[in-house]
C-alpha cells in the first residue's frame, strides 16, 4: 500500500455495532487494505456515553471537543491534540461532554475482525 493522506470527509461514518447512541465511526484503512492496523475517525454527539470491553488495542486522538474515558485506573479527560490509549481487555466508559467530540483512532488488530 502506498503512502496516503486522509481527512474526516474520507470516512463513511456509521453507528458502531450494538449501540444506538449518537456515536459514529468510519474506517479509512482496515483489513480490506492489507495492513495490520485500522485507522479511522469517530464522532460523538453531545453528552453521549458508550460502555465497551476493548477487543483490540485502541489509540484515540481527540481532534475537537472533549471525552472522558473511565477505566480500571479511574477517569481521564482528553481534549484537542491529546491521546488516550485503551488496552485490549480493559472495560471502559467513553463519555462526551456538552460540545461533543471528533476523534481519530488506530486499532491493532482490526476492530471489525475482533468483533468490536
PDB file of N, CA and C in Angstrom:
ATOM      1  N   UNK A   1       0.842  -1.165   0.000  1.00  0.00           N
ATOM      2  CA  UNK A   1       0.000   0.000   0.000  1.00  0.00           C
ATOM      3  C   UNK A   1       0.894   1.236   0.000  1.00  0.00           C
ATOM      4  N   UNK A   2       0.583   2.226  -0.842  1.00  0.00           N
ATOM      5  CA  UNK A   2       1.397   3.442  -0.897  1.00  0.00           C
ATOM      6  C   UNK A   2       1.097   4.377   0.279  1.00  0.00           C
ATOM      7  N   UNK A   3       1.935   5.389   0.449  1.00  0.00           N
ATOM      8  CA  UNK A   3       1.693   6.435   1.436  1.00  0.00           C
ATOM      9  C   UNK A   3       0.394   7.150   1.053  1.00  0.00           C
ATOM     10  N   UNK A   4      -0.463   7.372   2.044  1.00  0.00           N
ATOM     11  CA  UNK A   4      -1.751   8.029   1.771  1.00  0.00           C
ATOM     12  C   UNK A   4      -2.058   9.035   2.860  1.00  0.00           C
ATOM     13  N   UNK A   5      -2.884  10.000   2.518  1.00  0.00           N
ATOM     14  CA  UNK A   5      -3.338  11.024   3.455  1.00  0.00           C
ATOM     15  C   UNK A   5      -4.861  10.960   3.514  1.00  0.00           C
ATOM     16  N   UNK A   6      -5.429  11.211   4.719  1.00  0.00           N
ATOM     17  CA  UNK A   6      -6.871  11.144   4.885  1.00  0.00           C
ATOM     18  C   UNK A   6      -7.383  12.362   5.634  1.00  0.00           C
ATOM     19  N   UNK A   7      -8.648  12.677   5.395  1.00  0.00           N
ATOM     20  CA  UNK A   7      -9.362  13.724   6.123  1.00  0.00           C
ATOM     21  C   UNK A   7     -10.695  13.142   6.595  1.00  0.00           C
ATOM     22  N   UNK A   8     -11.333  13.812   7.540  1.00  0.00           N
ATOM     23  CA  UNK A   8     -12.607  13.349   8.067  1.00  0.00           C
ATOM     24  C   UNK A   8     -13.619  13.091   6.952  1.00  0.00           C
ATOM     25  N   UNK A   9     -13.593  13.892   5.908  1.00  0.00           N
ATOM     26  CA  UNK A   9     -14.529  13.733   4.788  1.00  0.00           C
ATOM     27  C   UNK A   9     -14.340  12.393   4.068  1.00  0.00           C
ATOM     28  N   UNK A  10     -13.183  11.751   4.224  1.00  0.00           N
ATOM     29  CA  UNK A  10     -12.920  10.461   3.578  1.00  0.00           C
ATOM     30  C   UNK A  10     -13.595   9.292   4.301  1.00  0.00           C
ATOM     31  N   UNK A  11     -14.044   9.504   5.523  1.00  0.00           N
ATOM     32  CA  UNK A  11     -14.632   8.431   6.323  1.00  0.00           C
ATOM     33  C   UNK A  11     -16.140   8.387   6.126  1.00  0.00           C
ATOM     34  N   UNK A  12     -16.668   7.181   5.955  1.00  0.00           N
ATOM     35  CA  UNK A  12     -18.107   6.967   5.911  1.00  0.00           C
ATOM     36  C   UNK A  12     -18.540   6.600   7.333  1.00  0.00           C
ATOM     37  N   UNK A  13     -19.033   7.590   8.070  1.00  0.00           N
ATOM     38  CA  UNK A  13     -19.339   7.389   9.486  1.00  0.00           C
ATOM     39  C   UNK A  13     -20.633   6.598   9.660  1.00  0.00           C
ATOM     40  N   UNK A  14     -20.557   5.542  10.461  1.00  0.00           N
ATOM     41  CA  UNK A  14     -21.706   4.694  10.749  1.00  0.00           C
ATOM     42  C   UNK A  14     -21.781   4.443  12.248  1.00  0.00           C
ATOM     43  N   UNK A  15     -22.985   4.195  12.735  1.00  0.00           N
ATOM     44  CA  UNK A  15     -23.166   3.886  14.157  1.00  0.00           C
ATOM     45  C   UNK A  15     -22.436   2.585  14.471  1.00  0.00           C
ATOM     46  N   UNK A  16     -21.712   2.570  15.583  1.00  0.00           N
ATOM     47  CA  UNK A  16     -20.966   1.370  15.980  1.00  0.00           C
ATOM     48  C   UNK A  16     -21.931   0.224  16.237  1.00  0.00           C
ATOM     49  N   UNK A  17     -21.526  -1.009  15.912  1.00  0.00           N
ATOM     50  CA  UNK A  17     -22.407  -2.171  16.107  1.00  0.00           C
ATOM     51  C   UNK A  17     -22.839  -2.305  17.565  1.00  0.00           C
ATOM     52  N   UNK A  18     -24.120  -2.583  17.765  1.00  0.00           N
ATOM     53  CA  UNK A  18     -24.622  -2.873  19.093  1.00  0.00           C
ATOM     54  C   UNK A  18     -24.909  -1.665  19.970  1.00  0.00           C
ATOM     55  N   UNK A  19     -24.884  -0.457  19.417  1.00  0.00           N
ATOM     56  CA  UNK A  19     -25.205   0.715  20.231  1.00  0.00           C
ATOM     57  C   UNK A  19     -26.102   1.660  19.433  1.00  0.00           C
ATOM     58  N   UNK A  20     -26.919   2.420  20.146  1.00  0.00           N
ATOM     59  CA  UNK A  20     -27.835   3.330  19.472  1.00  0.00           C
ATOM     60  C   UNK A  20     -27.631   4.789  19.879  1.00  0.00           C
ATOM     61  N   UNK A  21     -26.492   5.085  20.491  1.00  0.00           N
ATOM     62  CA  UNK A  21     -26.179   6.458  20.877  1.00  0.00           C
ATOM     63  C   UNK A  21     -25.779   7.266  19.644  1.00  0.00           C
ATOM     64  N   UNK A  22     -25.622   8.561  19.830  1.00  0.00           N
ATOM     65  CA  UNK A  22     -25.177   9.451  18.752  1.00  0.00           C
ATOM     66  C   UNK A  22     -23.647   9.390  18.685  1.00  0.00           C
ATOM     67  N   UNK A  23     -23.154   8.169  18.372  1.00  0.00           N
ATOM     68  CA  UNK A  23     -21.721   7.895  18.294  1.00  0.00           C
ATOM     69  C   UNK A  23     -21.471   7.131  16.997  1.00  0.00           C
ATOM     70  N   UNK A  24     -20.573   7.661  16.169  1.00  0.00           N
ATOM     71  CA  UNK A  24     -20.339   7.090  14.851  1.00  0.00           C
ATOM     72  C   UNK A  24     -18.848   6.880  14.618  1.00  0.00           C
ATOM     73  N   UNK A  25     -18.509   5.862  13.837  1.00  0.00           N
ATOM     74  CA  UNK A  25     -17.124   5.574  13.489  1.00  0.00           C
ATOM     75  C   UNK A  25     -17.047   5.277  11.996  1.00  0.00           C
ATOM     76  N   UNK A  26     -15.895   5.598  11.415  1.00  0.00           N
ATOM     77  CA  UNK A  26     -15.685   5.316   9.997  1.00  0.00           C
ATOM     78  C   UNK A  26     -14.234   5.009   9.720  1.00  0.00           C
ATOM     79  N   UNK A  27     -13.969   3.800   9.257  1.00  0.00           N
ATOM     80  CA  UNK A  27     -12.601   3.407   8.916  1.00  0.00           C
ATOM     81  C   UNK A  27     -12.180   4.032   7.592  1.00  0.00           C
ATOM     82  N   UNK A  28     -10.915   4.433   7.512  1.00  0.00           N
ATOM     83  CA  UNK A  28     -10.334   4.836   6.233  1.00  0.00           C
ATOM     84  C   UNK A  28      -9.294   3.815   5.775  1.00  0.00           C
ATOM     85  N   UNK A  29      -8.731   3.049   6.726  1.00  0.00           N
ATOM     86  CA  UNK A  29      -7.839   1.920   6.420  1.00  0.00           C
ATOM     87  C   UNK A  29      -8.259   0.776   7.332  1.00  0.00           C
ATOM     88  N   UNK A  30      -8.425  -0.419   6.767  1.00  0.00           N
ATOM     89  CA  UNK A  30      -8.747  -1.578   7.601  1.00  0.00           C
ATOM     90  C   UNK A  30      -8.291  -2.851   6.897  1.00  0.00           C
ATOM     91  N   UNK A  31      -8.834  -3.992   7.330  1.00  0.00           N
ATOM     92  CA  UNK A  31      -8.398  -5.285   6.814  1.00  0.00           C
ATOM     93  C   UNK A  31      -8.522  -5.390   5.291  1.00  0.00           C
ATOM     94  N   UNK A  32      -9.387  -4.625   4.690  1.00  0.00           N
ATOM     95  CA  UNK A  32      -9.562  -4.676   3.231  1.00  0.00           C
ATOM     96  C   UNK A  32      -8.355  -4.120   2.481  1.00  0.00           C
ATOM     97  N   UNK A  33      -7.491  -3.373   3.170  1.00  0.00           N
ATOM     98  CA  UNK A  33      -6.347  -2.726   2.533  1.00  0.00           C
ATOM     99  C   UNK A  33      -5.036  -3.479   2.735  1.00  0.00           C
ATOM    100  N   UNK A  34      -5.057  -4.563   3.519  1.00  0.00           N
ATOM    101  CA  UNK A  34      -3.882  -5.415   3.654  1.00  0.00           C
ATOM    102  C   UNK A  34      -2.894  -5.042   4.740  1.00  0.00           C
ATOM    103  N   UNK A  35      -3.118  -3.944   5.460  1.00  0.00           N
ATOM    104  CA  UNK A  35      -2.209  -3.554   6.532  1.00  0.00           C
ATOM    105  C   UNK A  35      -2.591  -4.207   7.857  1.00  0.00           C
ATOM    106  N   UNK A  36      -1.757  -4.066   8.896  1.00  0.00           N
ATOM    107  CA  UNK A  36      -2.008  -4.717  10.179  1.00  0.00           C
ATOM    108  C   UNK A  36      -2.888  -3.918  11.141  1.00  0.00           C
ATOM    109  N   UNK A  37      -3.226  -2.657  10.810  1.00  0.00           N
ATOM    110  CA  UNK A  37      -3.973  -1.792  11.716  1.00  0.00           C
ATOM    111  C   UNK A  37      -5.204  -1.218  11.031  1.00  0.00           C
ATOM    112  N   UNK A  38      -6.130  -0.747  11.850  1.00  0.00           N
ATOM    113  CA  UNK A  38      -7.277   0.006  11.361  1.00  0.00           C
ATOM    114  C   UNK A  38      -7.087   1.458  11.765  1.00  0.00           C
ATOM    115  N   UNK A  39      -7.379   2.369  10.853  1.00  0.00           N
ATOM    116  CA  UNK A  39      -7.304   3.806  11.097  1.00  0.00           C
ATOM    117  C   UNK A  39      -8.646   4.394  10.703  1.00  0.00           C
ATOM    118  N   UNK A  40      -9.160   5.305  11.515  1.00  0.00           N
ATOM    119  CA  UNK A  40     -10.438   5.912  11.173  1.00  0.00           C
ATOM    120  C   UNK A  40     -10.740   7.131  12.016  1.00  0.00           C
ATOM    121  N   UNK A  41     -11.976   7.587  11.879  1.00  0.00           N
ATOM    122  CA  UNK A  41     -12.468   8.756  12.590  1.00  0.00           C
ATOM    123  C   UNK A  41     -13.712   8.390  13.374  1.00  0.00           C
ATOM    124  N   UNK A  42     -13.925   9.108  14.475  1.00  0.00           N
ATOM    125  CA  UNK A  42     -15.133   8.943  15.265  1.00  0.00           C
ATOM    126  C   UNK A  42     -15.787  10.290  15.508  1.00  0.00           C
ATOM    127  N   UNK A  43     -17.107  10.257  15.669  1.00  0.00           N
ATOM    128  CA  UNK A  43     -17.844  11.479  16.005  1.00  0.00           C
ATOM    129  C   UNK A  43     -18.811  11.153  17.131  1.00  0.00           C
ATOM    130  N   UNK A  44     -18.738  11.935  18.205  1.00  0.00           N
ATOM    131  CA  UNK A  44     -19.585  11.767  19.384  1.00  0.00           C
ATOM    132  C   UNK A  44     -20.487  12.983  19.504  1.00  0.00           C
ATOM    133  N   UNK A  45     -21.788  12.774  19.560  1.00  0.00           N
ATOM    134  CA  UNK A  45     -22.713  13.866  19.808  1.00  0.00           C
ATOM    135  C   UNK A  45     -22.550  14.355  21.242  1.00  0.00           C
ATOM    136  N   UNK A  46     -23.223  15.457  21.603  1.00  0.00           N
ATOM    137  CA  UNK A  46     -23.130  15.983  22.964  1.00  0.00           C
ATOM    138  C   UNK A  46     -23.646  14.993  24.003  1.00  0.00           C
ATOM    139  N   UNK A  47     -22.931  14.890  25.111  1.00  0.00           N
ATOM    140  CA  UNK A  47     -23.369  14.122  26.284  1.00  0.00           C
ATOM    141  C   UNK A  47     -23.768  12.685  25.961  1.00  0.00           C
ATOM    142  N   UNK A  48     -22.917  11.997  25.222  1.00  0.00           N
ATOM    143  CA  UNK A  48     -23.150  10.593  24.884  1.00  0.00           C
ATOM    144  C   UNK A  48     -22.244   9.707  25.733  1.00  0.00           C
ATOM    145  N   UNK A  49     -22.637   8.439  25.888  1.00  0.00           N
ATOM    146  CA  UNK A  49     -21.849   7.516  26.691  1.00  0.00           C
ATOM    147  C   UNK A  49     -21.855   6.143  26.037  1.00  0.00           C
ATOM    148  N   UNK A  50     -20.688   5.489  26.062  1.00  0.00           N
ATOM    149  CA  UNK A  50     -20.534   4.162  25.473  1.00  0.00           C
ATOM    150  C   UNK A  50     -19.735   3.298  26.428  1.00  0.00           C
ATOM    151  N   UNK A  51     -20.298   2.145  26.811  1.00  0.00           N
ATOM    152  CA  UNK A  51     -19.595   1.159  27.636  1.00  0.00           C
ATOM    153  C   UNK A  51     -19.063   0.076  26.720  1.00  0.00           C
ATOM    154  N   UNK A  52     -17.793  -0.264  26.884  1.00  0.00           N
ATOM    155  CA  UNK A  52     -17.141  -1.196  25.965  1.00  0.00           C
ATOM    156  C   UNK A  52     -16.053  -1.973  26.692  1.00  0.00           C
ATOM    157  N   UNK A  53     -15.953  -3.263  26.382  1.00  0.00           N
ATOM    158  CA  UNK A  53     -14.769  -4.027  26.764  1.00  0.00           C
ATOM    159  C   UNK A  53     -13.905  -4.090  25.518  1.00  0.00           C
ATOM    160  N   UNK A  54     -12.695  -3.570  25.601  1.00  0.00           N
ATOM    161  CA  UNK A  54     -11.854  -3.435  24.420  1.00  0.00           C
ATOM    162  C   UNK A  54     -11.459  -4.812  23.881  1.00  0.00           C
ATOM    163  N   UNK A  55     -11.771  -5.062  22.613  1.00  0.00           N
ATOM    164  CA  UNK A  55     -11.393  -6.318  21.958  1.00  0.00           C
ATOM    165  C   UNK A  55     -10.096  -6.166  21.179  1.00  0.00           C
ATOM    166  N   UNK A  56      -9.578  -4.922  21.113  1.00  0.00           N
ATOM    167  CA  UNK A  56      -8.330  -4.601  20.412  1.00  0.00           C
ATOM    168  C   UNK A  56      -7.599  -3.535  21.224  1.00  0.00           C
ATOM    169  N   UNK A  57      -6.364  -3.271  20.901  1.00  0.00           N
ATOM    170  CA  UNK A  57      -5.652  -2.116  21.447  1.00  0.00           C
ATOM    171  C   UNK A  57      -6.115  -0.908  20.638  1.00  0.00           C
ATOM    172  N   UNK A  58      -6.561   0.146  21.316  1.00  0.00           N
ATOM    173  CA  UNK A  58      -7.153   1.300  20.644  1.00  0.00           C
ATOM    174  C   UNK A  58      -6.445   2.574  21.093  1.00  0.00           C
ATOM    175  N   UNK A  59      -5.966   3.352  20.130  1.00  0.00           N
ATOM    176  CA  UNK A  59      -5.369   4.651  20.371  1.00  0.00           C
ATOM    177  C   UNK A  59      -6.322   5.682  19.784  1.00  0.00           C
ATOM    178  N   UNK A  60      -6.800   6.611  20.618  1.00  0.00           N
ATOM    179  CA  UNK A  60      -7.761   7.611  20.186  1.00  0.00           C
ATOM    180  C   UNK A  60      -7.148   8.993  20.358  1.00  0.00           C
ATOM    181  N   UNK A  61      -7.136   9.775  19.281  1.00  0.00           N
ATOM    182  CA  UNK A  61      -6.634  11.147  19.302  1.00  0.00           C
ATOM    183  C   UNK A  61      -7.844  12.076  19.225  1.00  0.00           C
ATOM    184  N   UNK A  62      -7.996  12.939  20.213  1.00  0.00           N
ATOM    185  CA  UNK A  62      -9.111  13.882  20.207  1.00  0.00           C
ATOM    186  C   UNK A  62      -8.735  15.054  19.288  1.00  0.00           C
ATOM    187  N   UNK A  63      -9.578  15.300  18.298  1.00  0.00           N
ATOM    188  CA  UNK A  63      -9.354  16.390  17.350  1.00  0.00           C
ATOM    189  C   UNK A  63     -10.159  17.631  17.713  1.00  0.00           C
ATOM    190  N   UNK A  64     -11.398  17.419  18.184  1.00  0.00           N
ATOM    191  CA  UNK A  64     -12.290  18.509  18.581  1.00  0.00           C
ATOM    192  C   UNK A  64     -13.078  18.066  19.802  1.00  0.00           C
ATOM    193  N   UNK A  65     -13.436  19.002  20.660  1.00  0.00           N
ATOM    194  CA  UNK A  65     -14.257  18.688  21.820  1.00  0.00           C
ATOM    195  C   UNK A  65     -13.463  18.023  22.931  1.00  0.00           C
ATOM    196  N   UNK A  66     -14.179  17.306  23.815  1.00  0.00           N
ATOM    197  CA  UNK A  66     -13.551  16.609  24.932  1.00  0.00           C
ATOM    198  C   UNK A  66     -14.255  15.287  25.160  1.00  0.00           C
ATOM    199  N   UNK A  67     -13.476  14.304  25.617  1.00  0.00           N
ATOM    200  CA  UNK A  67     -14.001  12.998  26.013  1.00  0.00           C
ATOM    201  C   UNK A  67     -13.416  12.626  27.353  1.00  0.00           C
ATOM    202  N   UNK A  68     -14.200  11.932  28.168  1.00  0.00           N
ATOM    203  CA  UNK A  68     -13.686  11.341  29.387  1.00  0.00           C
ATOM    204  C   UNK A  68     -13.786   9.834  29.239  1.00  0.00           C
ATOM    205  N   UNK A  69     -12.665   9.156  29.431  1.00  0.00           N
ATOM    206  CA  UNK A  69     -12.620   7.697  29.353  1.00  0.00           C
ATOM    207  C   UNK A  69     -12.335   7.181  30.757  1.00  0.00           C
ATOM    208  N   UNK A  70     -13.234   6.352  31.269  1.00  0.00           N
ATOM    209  CA  UNK A  70     -13.072   5.779  32.590  1.00  0.00           C
ATOM    210  C   UNK A  70     -12.754   4.299  32.448  1.00  0.00           C
ATOM    211  N   UNK A  71     -11.628   3.895  33.019  1.00  0.00           N
ATOM    212  CA  UNK A  71     -11.211   2.501  33.027  1.00  0.00           C
ATOM    213  C   UNK A  71     -10.909   2.072  34.445  1.00  0.00           C
ATOM    214  N   UNK A  72     -10.170   0.989  34.601  1.00  0.00           N
ATOM    215  CA  UNK A  72      -9.884   0.445  35.923  1.00  0.00           C
ATOM    216  C   UNK A  72      -9.058   1.388  36.791  1.00  0.00           C
ATOM    217  N   UNK A  73      -8.291   2.285  36.189  1.00  0.00           N
ATOM    218  CA  UNK A  73      -7.465   3.231  36.949  1.00  0.00           C
ATOM    219  C   UNK A  73      -8.178   4.557  37.209  1.00  0.00           C
ATOM    220  N   UNK A  74      -9.456   4.654  36.822  1.00  0.00           N
ATOM    221  CA  UNK A  74     -10.203   5.892  37.012  1.00  0.00           C
ATOM    222  C   UNK A  74     -10.340   6.670  35.719  1.00  0.00           C
ATOM    223  N   UNK A  75     -10.934   7.873  35.799  1.00  0.00           N
ATOM    224  CA  UNK A  75     -11.205   8.647  34.582  1.00  0.00           C
ATOM    225  C   UNK A  75     -10.019   9.467  34.101  1.00  0.00           C
ATOM    226  N   UNK A  76      -9.930   9.615  32.776  1.00  0.00           N
ATOM    227  CA  UNK A  76      -9.015  10.569  32.153  1.00  0.00           C
ATOM    228  C   UNK A  76      -9.834  11.381  31.155  1.00  0.00           C
ATOM    229  N   UNK A  77      -9.601  12.686  31.136  1.00  0.00           N
ATOM    230  CA  UNK A  77     -10.298  13.559  30.199  1.00  0.00           C
ATOM    231  C   UNK A  77      -9.277  14.090  29.206  1.00  0.00           C
ATOM    232  N   UNK A  78      -9.643  14.029  27.926  1.00  0.00           N
ATOM    233  CA  UNK A  78      -8.737  14.459  26.863  1.00  0.00           C
ATOM    234  C   UNK A  78      -9.441  15.481  25.974  1.00  0.00           C
ATOM    235  N   UNK A  79      -8.669  16.479  25.541  1.00  0.00           N
ATOM    236  CA  UNK A  79      -9.161  17.498  24.629  1.00  0.00           C
ATOM    237  C   UNK A  79      -8.327  17.514  23.367  1.00  0.00           C
ATOM    238  N   UNK A  80      -8.522  18.501  22.512  1.00  0.00           N
ATOM    239  CA  UNK A  80      -7.841  18.554  21.217  1.00  0.00           C
ATOM    240  C   UNK A  80      -6.329  18.372  21.328  1.00  0.00           C
ATOM    241  N   UNK A  81      -5.802  17.459  20.530  1.00  0.00           N
ATOM    242  CA  UNK A  81      -4.373  17.188  20.498  1.00  0.00           C
ATOM    243  C   UNK A  81      -3.913  16.159  21.513  1.00  0.00           C
ATOM    244  N   UNK A  82      -4.818  15.675  22.364  1.00  0.00           N
ATOM    245  CA  UNK A  82      -4.435  14.694  23.375  1.00  0.00           C
ATOM    246  C   UNK A  82      -4.836  13.288  22.927  1.00  0.00           C
ATOM    247  N   UNK A  83      -4.104  12.297  23.446  1.00  0.00           N
ATOM    248  CA  UNK A  83      -4.246  10.902  23.037  1.00  0.00           C
ATOM    249  C   UNK A  83      -4.658  10.057  24.232  1.00  0.00           C
ATOM    250  N   UNK A  84      -5.591   9.133  24.012  1.00  0.00           N
ATOM    251  CA  UNK A  84      -5.993   8.172  25.033  1.00  0.00           C
ATOM    252  C   UNK A  84      -5.701   6.773  24.493  1.00  0.00           C
ATOM    253  N   UNK A  85      -4.998   5.973  25.291  1.00  0.00           N
ATOM    254  CA  UNK A  85      -4.721   4.580  24.931  1.00  0.00           C
ATOM    255  C   UNK A  85      -5.618   3.685  25.769  1.00  0.00           C
ATOM    256  N   UNK A  86      -6.337   2.781  25.092  1.00  0.00           N
ATOM    257  CA  UNK A  86      -7.214   1.829  25.753  1.00  0.00           C
ATOM    258  C   UNK A  86      -6.739   0.421  25.388  1.00  0.00           C
ATOM    259  N   UNK A  87      -6.111  -0.303  26.346  1.00  0.00           N
ATOM    260  CA  UNK A  87      -5.560  -1.616  26.036  1.00  0.00           C
ATOM    261  C   UNK A  87      -6.629  -2.688  25.867  1.00  0.00           C
ATOM    262  N   UNK A  88      -6.291  -3.682  25.090  1.00  0.00           N
ATOM    263  CA  UNK A  88      -7.169  -4.832  24.882  1.00  0.00           C
ATOM    264  C   UNK A  88      -7.531  -5.445  26.236  1.00  0.00           C
ATOM    265  N   UNK A  89      -8.814  -5.762  26.417  1.00  0.00           N
ATOM    266  CA  UNK A  89      -9.295  -6.375  27.644  1.00  0.00           C
ATOM    267  C   UNK A  89      -9.814  -5.396  28.681  1.00  0.00           C
ATOM    268  N   UNK A  90      -9.490  -4.110  28.550  1.00  0.00           N
ATOM    269  CA  UNK A  90      -9.926  -3.095  29.522  1.00  0.00           C
ATOM    270  C   UNK A  90     -11.413  -2.790  29.331  1.00  0.00           C
ATOM    271  N   UNK A  91     -12.154  -2.712  30.429  1.00  0.00           N
ATOM    272  CA  UNK A  91     -13.550  -2.274  30.388  1.00  0.00           C
ATOM    273  C   UNK A  91     -13.540  -0.760  30.546  1.00  0.00           C
ATOM    274  N   UNK A  92     -14.129  -0.052  29.577  1.00  0.00           N
ATOM    275  CA  UNK A  92     -14.108   1.405  29.594  1.00  0.00           C
ATOM    276  C   UNK A  92     -15.505   1.981  29.387  1.00  0.00           C
ATOM    277  N   UNK A  93     -15.675   3.198  29.881  1.00  0.00           N
ATOM    278  CA  UNK A  93     -16.827   4.018  29.533  1.00  0.00           C
ATOM    279  C   UNK A  93     -16.267   5.263  28.875  1.00  0.00           C
ATOM    280  N   UNK A  94     -16.715   5.542  27.652  1.00  0.00           N
ATOM    281  CA  UNK A  94     -16.297   6.728  26.916  1.00  0.00           C
ATOM    282  C   UNK A  94     -17.477   7.696  26.945  1.00  0.00           C
ATOM    283  N   UNK A  95     -17.242   8.899  27.470  1.00  0.00           N
ATOM    284  CA  UNK A  95     -18.318   9.871  27.610  1.00  0.00           C
ATOM    285  C   UNK A  95     -17.910  11.188  26.955  1.00  0.00           C
ATOM    286  N   UNK A  96     -18.791  11.694  26.100  1.00  0.00           N
ATOM    287  CA  UNK A  96     -18.547  13.011  25.512  1.00  0.00           C
ATOM    288  C   UNK A  96     -19.156  14.076  26.417  1.00  0.00           C
ATOM    289  N   UNK A  97     -18.702  15.298  26.258  1.00  0.00           N
ATOM    290  CA  UNK A  97     -19.183  16.422  27.048  1.00  0.00           C
ATOM    291  C   UNK A  97     -20.169  17.235  26.211  1.00  0.00           C
ATOM    292  N   UNK A  98     -20.585  18.392  26.704  1.00  0.00           N
ATOM    293  CA  UNK A  98     -21.646  19.183  26.065  1.00  0.00           C
ATOM    294  C   UNK A  98     -21.333  19.543  24.613  1.00  0.00           C
ATOM    295  N   UNK A  99     -20.046  19.695  24.287  1.00  0.00           N
ATOM    296  CA  UNK A  99     -19.691  20.105  22.922  1.00  0.00           C
ATOM    297  C   UNK A  99     -19.520  18.926  21.960  1.00  0.00           C
ATOM    298  N   UNK A 100     -19.664  17.682  22.458  1.00  0.00           N
ATOM    299  CA  UNK A 100     -19.415  16.526  21.604  1.00  0.00           C
ATOM    300  C   UNK A 100     -17.924  16.404  21.330  1.00  0.00           C
ATOM    301  N   UNK A 101     -17.559  15.530  20.390  1.00  0.00           N
ATOM    302  CA  UNK A 101     -16.138  15.331  20.081  1.00  0.00           C
ATOM    303  C   UNK A 101     -15.964  14.700  18.710  1.00  0.00           C
ATOM    304  N   UNK A 102     -14.816  14.980  18.120  1.00  0.00           N
ATOM    305  CA  UNK A 102     -14.359  14.303  16.901  1.00  0.00           C
ATOM    306  C   UNK A 102     -13.007  13.701  17.233  1.00  0.00           C
ATOM    307  N   UNK A 103     -12.811  12.437  16.846  1.00  0.00           N
ATOM    308  CA  UNK A 103     -11.567  11.731  17.148  1.00  0.00           C
ATOM    309  C   UNK A 103     -11.006  11.077  15.900  1.00  0.00           C
ATOM    310  N   UNK A 104      -9.736  10.740  15.979  1.00  0.00           N
ATOM    311  CA  UNK A 104      -9.105   9.827  15.022  1.00  0.00           C
ATOM    312  C   UNK A 104      -8.652   8.636  15.851  1.00  0.00           C
ATOM    313  N   UNK A 105      -8.674   7.447  15.263  1.00  0.00           N
ATOM    314  CA  UNK A 105      -8.270   6.267  16.020  1.00  0.00           C
ATOM    315  C   UNK A 105      -7.401   5.345  15.192  1.00  0.00           C
ATOM    316  N   UNK A 106      -6.604   4.569  15.918  1.00  0.00           N
ATOM    317  CA  UNK A 106      -5.798   3.495  15.343  1.00  0.00           C
ATOM    318  C   UNK A 106      -6.027   2.285  16.241  1.00  0.00           C
ATOM    319  N   UNK A 107      -6.362   1.146  15.641  1.00  0.00           N
ATOM    320  CA  UNK A 107      -6.524  -0.070  16.439  1.00  0.00           C
ATOM    321  C   UNK A 107      -5.631  -1.180  15.895  1.00  0.00           C
ATOM    322  N   UNK A 108      -5.213  -2.026  16.827  1.00  0.00           N
ATOM    323  CA  UNK A 108      -4.470  -3.227  16.459  1.00  0.00           C
ATOM    324  C   UNK A 108      -5.017  -4.378  17.293  1.00  0.00           C
ATOM    325  N   UNK A 109      -5.396  -5.488  16.711  1.00  0.00           N
ATOM    326  CA  UNK A 109      -5.575  -5.651  15.257  1.00  0.00           C
ATOM    327  C   UNK A 109      -6.835  -4.929  14.793  1.00  0.00           C
ATOM    328  N   UNK A 110      -7.393  -5.345  13.685  1.00  0.00           N
ATOM    329  CA  UNK A 110      -8.578  -4.709  13.127  1.00  0.00           C
ATOM    330  C   UNK A 110      -9.782  -4.944  14.038  1.00  0.00           C
ATOM    331  N   UNK A 111     -10.452  -3.851  14.466  1.00  0.00           N
ATOM    332  CA  UNK A 111     -11.562  -3.990  15.406  1.00  0.00           C
ATOM    333  C   UNK A 111     -12.743  -4.732  14.815  1.00  0.00           C
ATOM    334  N   UNK A 112     -12.987  -4.608  13.523  1.00  0.00           N
ATOM    335  CA  UNK A 112     -14.151  -5.308  12.941  1.00  0.00           C
ATOM    336  C   UNK A 112     -13.923  -6.815  12.948  1.00  0.00           C
ATOM    337  N   UNK A 113     -12.702  -7.260  12.733  1.00  0.00           N
ATOM    338  CA  UNK A 113     -12.403  -8.694  12.763  1.00  0.00           C
ATOM    339  C   UNK A 113     -12.423  -9.238  14.184  1.00  0.00           C
ATOM    340  N   UNK A 114     -12.138  -8.380  15.176  1.00  0.00           N
ATOM    341  CA  UNK A 114     -12.099  -8.807  16.563  1.00  0.00           C
ATOM    342  C   UNK A 114     -13.483  -8.820  17.201  1.00  0.00           C
ATOM    343  N   UNK A 115     -14.486  -8.396  16.458  1.00  0.00           N
ATOM    344  CA  UNK A 115     -15.838  -8.389  16.990  1.00  0.00           C
ATOM    345  C   UNK A 115     -16.187  -7.140  17.763  1.00  0.00           C
ATOM    346  N   UNK A 116     -15.375  -6.061  17.600  1.00  0.00           N
ATOM    347  CA  UNK A 116     -15.629  -4.837  18.355  1.00  0.00           C
ATOM    348  C   UNK A 116     -16.268  -3.807  17.607  1.00  0.00           C
TER     349      UNK A 116
END
